[in-house]
Amino acid sequence: MEMISYWKNAQEIYVDGGLTLIIGKYDHKNQHHGGEKALGIHWKDYPQSRGVLSPCVVPRATRSAILSGLLHQAVINGNKEQITKLSEAIDFFRSET
């Protein structure tokens, strides 16, 4: 499914059933010169705006809690692929520019 243009260079970093987390630059209404680094969330093809997938932006404080919790779970479970993807996502946010 096509994703709304407000998300730039979005990459899936975590999928659990239909729940998907993405990272990328979010540029609300394409008005902020490329946007800011953001964590997005969607469930299968929801939410949508005019029939186009429109992932929600996760607030910064919540983002950190989600990523660290998922990384902890991946380490406990020994899931190397998830450890790698989540570590890369955490690195993505180290510098907020």
C-alpha atoms as a PDB file:
ATOM      1  CA  MET A   1       0.000   0.000   0.000  1.00  0.00           C
ATOM      2  CA  GLU A   2       1.128   3.519  -0.786  1.00  0.00           C
ATOM      3  CA  MET A   3       2.251   5.641   2.184  1.00  0.00           C
ATOM      4  CA  ILE A   4       1.335   9.297   2.691  1.00  0.00           C
ATOM      5  CA  SER A   5       3.952  11.722   1.353  1.00  0.00           C
ATOM      6  CA  TYR A   6       4.576  13.280   4.791  1.00  0.00           C
ATOM      7  CA  TRP A   7       6.875  10.314   5.561  1.00  0.00           C
ATOM      8  CA  LYS A   8      10.266  10.490   3.815  1.00  0.00           C
ATOM      9  CA  ASN A   9      12.633   7.500   3.484  1.00  0.00           C
ATOM     10  CA  ALA A  10      10.513   5.374   5.809  1.00  0.00           C
ATOM     11  CA  GLN A  11      11.854   1.932   6.795  1.00  0.00           C
ATOM     12  CA  GLU A  12      10.075  -0.832   8.656  1.00  0.00           C
ATOM     13  CA  ILE A  13      11.972  -1.687  11.831  1.00  0.00           C
ATOM     14  CA  TYR A  14       9.545  -3.915  13.702  1.00  0.00           C
ATOM     15  CA  VAL A  15       6.563  -6.024  12.693  1.00  0.00           C
ATOM     16  CA  ASP A  16       4.416  -8.037  15.104  1.00  0.00           C
ATOM     17  CA  GLY A  17       1.326  -9.458  13.475  1.00  0.00           C
ATOM     18  CA  GLY A  18      -0.259  -6.430  11.859  1.00  0.00           C
ATOM     19  CA  LEU A  19       1.499  -3.869  14.079  1.00  0.00           C
ATOM     20  CA  THR A  20       4.344  -2.126  12.262  1.00  0.00           C
ATOM     21  CA  LEU A  21       6.872   0.441  13.483  1.00  0.00           C
ATOM     22  CA  ILE A  22       8.730   2.606  10.991  1.00  0.00           C
ATOM     23  CA  ILE A  23      11.487   5.196  11.169  1.00  0.00           C
ATOM     24  CA  GLY A  24      12.021   8.055   8.778  1.00  0.00           C
ATOM     25  CA  LYS A  25      11.621  11.774   8.446  1.00  0.00           C
ATOM     26  CA  TYR A  26       8.150  13.152   9.057  1.00  0.00           C
ATOM     27  CA  ASP A  27       7.256  16.425   7.362  1.00  0.00           C
ATOM     28  CA  HIS A  28       3.730  17.420   8.401  1.00  0.00           C
ATOM     29  CA  LYS A  29       1.827  18.567   5.331  1.00  0.00           C
ATOM     30  CA  ASN A  30       5.194  18.824   3.516  1.00  0.00           C
ATOM     31  CA  GLN A  31       5.746  22.265   5.097  1.00  0.00           C
ATOM     32  CA  HIS A  32       8.936  21.766   7.106  1.00  0.00           C
ATOM     33  CA  HIS A  33      11.724  21.383   4.545  1.00  0.00           C
ATOM     34  CA  GLY A  34      12.211  17.629   4.733  1.00  0.00           C
ATOM     35  CA  GLY A  35      10.904  16.977   8.227  1.00  0.00           C
ATOM     36  CA  GLU A  36      12.312  15.615  11.461  1.00  0.00           C
ATOM     37  CA  LYS A  37      13.356  12.124  12.462  1.00  0.00           C
ATOM     38  CA  ALA A  38      10.364  10.223  13.777  1.00  0.00           C
ATOM     39  CA  LEU A  39       9.061   6.831  14.828  1.00  0.00           C
ATOM     40  CA  GLY A  40       5.767   5.924  13.210  1.00  0.00           C
ATOM     41  CA  ILE A  41       3.221   3.237  13.946  1.00  0.00           C
ATOM     42  CA  HIS A  42       0.409   1.660  11.987  1.00  0.00           C
ATOM     43  CA  TRP A  43      -1.772  -1.430  12.140  1.00  0.00           C
ATOM     44  CA  LYS A  44      -1.969  -3.237   8.766  1.00  0.00           C
ATOM     45  CA  ASP A  45      -3.455  -0.533   6.518  1.00  0.00           C
ATOM     46  CA  TYR A  46      -4.752   1.707   9.335  1.00  0.00           C
ATOM     47  CA  PRO A  47      -4.767   4.697   9.805  1.00  0.00           C
ATOM     48  CA  GLN A  48      -5.445   6.107   6.369  1.00  0.00           C
ATOM     49  CA  SER A  49      -5.984   9.548   4.958  1.00  0.00           C
ATOM     50  CA  ARG A  50      -8.025   9.589   1.751  1.00  0.00           C
ATOM     51  CA  GLY A  51      -7.235   5.921   1.139  1.00  0.00           C
ATOM     52  CA  VAL A  52      -3.463   6.291   1.687  1.00  0.00           C
ATOM     53  CA  LEU A  53      -1.596   4.711   4.633  1.00  0.00           C
ATOM     54  CA  SER A  54      -0.810   7.453   7.148  1.00  0.00           C
ATOM     55  CA  PRO A  55       1.250   6.117  10.097  1.00  0.00           C
ATOM     56  CA  CYS A  56       0.929   7.978  13.410  1.00  0.00           C
ATOM     57  CA  VAL A  57       3.972   9.779  14.816  1.00  0.00           C
ATOM     58  CA  VAL A  58       5.052   8.464  18.222  1.00  0.00           C
ATOM     59  CA  PRO A  59       6.086  11.218  20.699  1.00  0.00           C
ATOM     60  CA  ARG A  60       9.811  11.343  21.559  1.00  0.00           C
ATOM     61  CA  ALA A  61       9.499  10.162  25.207  1.00  0.00           C
ATOM     62  CA  THR A  62       7.239   7.287  24.220  1.00  0.00           C
ATOM     63  CA  ARG A  63       9.537   6.445  21.308  1.00  0.00           C
ATOM     64  CA  SER A  64      12.479   5.882  23.646  1.00  0.00           C
ATOM     65  CA  ALA A  65      10.440   3.641  25.944  1.00  0.00           C
ATOM     66  CA  ILE A  66       9.099   1.573  23.057  1.00  0.00           C
ATOM     67  CA  LEU A  67      12.478   1.080  21.388  1.00  0.00           C
ATOM     68  CA  SER A  68      14.313   0.214  24.612  1.00  0.00           C
ATOM     69  CA  GLY A  69      11.554  -2.188  25.689  1.00  0.00           C
ATOM     70  CA  LEU A  70      11.525  -3.948  22.327  1.00  0.00           C
ATOM     71  CA  LEU A  71      15.328  -4.146  22.293  1.00  0.00           C
ATOM     72  CA  HIS A  72      15.295  -5.668  25.786  1.00  0.00           C
ATOM     73  CA  GLN A  73      12.720  -8.243  24.650  1.00  0.00           C
ATOM     74  CA  ALA A  74      14.773  -9.076  21.527  1.00  0.00           C
ATOM     75  CA  VAL A  75      17.907  -9.594  23.657  1.00  0.00           C
ATOM     76  CA  ILE A  76      16.019 -11.830  26.122  1.00  0.00           C
ATOM     77  CA  ASN A  77      14.631 -13.860  23.201  1.00  0.00           C
ATOM     78  CA  GLY A  78      17.974 -13.957  21.376  1.00  0.00           C
ATOM     79  CA  ASN A  79      16.387 -12.563  18.201  1.00  0.00           C
ATOM     80  CA  LYS A  80      19.475 -11.269  16.375  1.00  0.00           C
ATOM     81  CA  GLU A  81      17.545  -9.800  13.441  1.00  0.00           C
ATOM     82  CA  GLN A  82      15.352  -7.709  15.755  1.00  0.00           C
ATOM     83  CA  ILE A  83      18.375  -6.701  17.852  1.00  0.00           C
ATOM     84  CA  THR A  84      20.071  -5.404  14.707  1.00  0.00           C
ATOM     85  CA  LYS A  85      17.030  -3.508  13.376  1.00  0.00           C
ATOM     86  CA  LEU A  86      16.165  -1.967  16.743  1.00  0.00           C
ATOM     87  CA  SER A  87      19.800  -0.999  17.397  1.00  0.00           C
ATOM     88  CA  GLU A  88      19.914   0.692  13.991  1.00  0.00           C
ATOM     89  CA  ALA A  89      16.694   2.557  14.832  1.00  0.00           C
ATOM     90  CA  ILE A  90      18.134   3.744  18.146  1.00  0.00           C
ATOM     91  CA  ASP A  91      21.281   4.914  16.325  1.00  0.00           C
ATOM     92  CA  PHE A  92      19.060   6.752  13.798  1.00  0.00           C
ATOM     93  CA  PHE A  93      17.743   8.917  16.640  1.00  0.00           C
ATOM     94  CA  ARG A  94      21.109   9.596  18.371  1.00  0.00           C
ATOM     95  CA  SER A  95      21.429  12.902  16.533  1.00  0.00           C
ATOM     96  CA  GLU A  96      18.095  14.577  15.959  1.00  0.00           C
ATOM     97  CA  THR A  97      19.086  16.412  12.776  1.00  0.00           C
END
